Protein backbone atom coordinates (compact mmCIF):
# COMPACT_ATOMS: atom_id res chain seq x y z
CA UNK A 1 48.68 127.27 138.15
CA UNK A 2 50.58 128.46 135.05
CA UNK A 3 49.42 131.92 133.92
CA UNK A 4 51.45 131.88 130.70
CA UNK A 5 50.50 130.60 127.29
CA UNK A 6 53.16 129.01 125.11
CA UNK A 7 53.26 130.61 121.65
CA UNK A 8 55.61 130.83 118.70
CA UNK A 9 57.67 134.01 118.79
CA UNK A 10 56.92 134.62 115.11
CA UNK A 11 53.21 134.95 115.95
CA UNK A 12 53.84 138.13 117.96
CA UNK A 13 57.07 139.55 116.47
CA UNK A 14 58.96 139.94 113.24
CA UNK A 15 61.94 137.62 113.62
CA UNK A 16 65.04 138.47 111.59
CA UNK A 17 67.50 135.66 111.98
CA UNK A 18 71.17 136.03 111.23
CA UNK A 19 71.43 139.81 111.08
CA UNK A 20 74.75 140.91 112.59
CA UNK A 21 74.35 144.09 114.61
CA UNK A 22 77.44 146.18 115.23
CA UNK A 23 77.98 146.75 118.95
CA UNK A 24 78.54 150.45 118.40
CA UNK A 25 75.08 150.76 116.79
CA UNK A 26 73.22 149.37 119.80
CA UNK A 27 71.73 151.72 122.39
CA UNK A 28 70.03 151.51 125.77
CA UNK A 29 67.26 153.85 124.55
CA UNK A 30 63.91 152.13 125.23
CA UNK A 31 62.34 154.12 122.37
CA UNK A 32 64.52 152.25 119.87
CA UNK A 33 63.75 148.73 118.59
CA UNK A 34 64.45 146.04 121.22
CA UNK A 35 66.97 143.37 120.27
CA UNK A 36 66.63 139.82 121.55
CA UNK A 37 70.08 138.23 121.49
CA UNK A 38 70.48 134.50 121.06
CA UNK A 39 72.52 134.47 124.28
CA UNK A 40 69.28 135.38 126.09
CA UNK A 41 67.36 132.47 124.59
CA UNK A 42 67.49 129.35 126.71
CA UNK A 43 65.56 126.14 126.85
CA UNK A 44 62.93 125.26 127.87
CA UNK A 45 61.84 128.71 129.07
CA UNK A 46 63.09 132.07 127.83
CA UNK A 47 62.72 135.25 129.83
CA UNK A 48 62.68 138.15 127.41
CA UNK A 49 65.58 140.45 128.15
CA UNK A 50 65.82 143.58 126.05
CA UNK A 51 68.94 145.37 127.29
CA UNK A 52 70.05 146.52 123.86
CA UNK A 53 68.08 148.44 121.26
CA UNK A 54 68.63 149.39 117.62
CA UNK A 55 67.93 152.95 116.41
CA UNK A 56 64.95 153.15 114.05
CA UNK A 57 66.77 155.59 111.77
CA UNK A 58 69.42 152.94 111.02
CA UNK A 59 66.95 150.40 109.66
CA UNK A 60 67.73 149.62 106.05
CA UNK A 61 65.22 148.37 103.50
CA UNK A 62 66.76 144.89 103.90
CA UNK A 63 65.85 144.77 107.59
CA UNK A 64 62.48 146.50 107.27
CA UNK A 65 61.29 144.15 104.52
CA UNK A 66 63.12 140.83 104.76
CA UNK A 67 62.71 138.32 101.90
């Protein structure tokens, strides 16, 4: 029996597509914002892997409030 419900990612997360993160800005600090890389998205099932994180203090207005 499947215990998981299929949902759209956008219903549970703010998705910012196309933002290029600099490798040197990413951290392993779990208190920072988790980054889901496209390399970790596979079909038909994606296991969420959050190895890299982005520091909250580096969030610009453009990321915080996308158009």
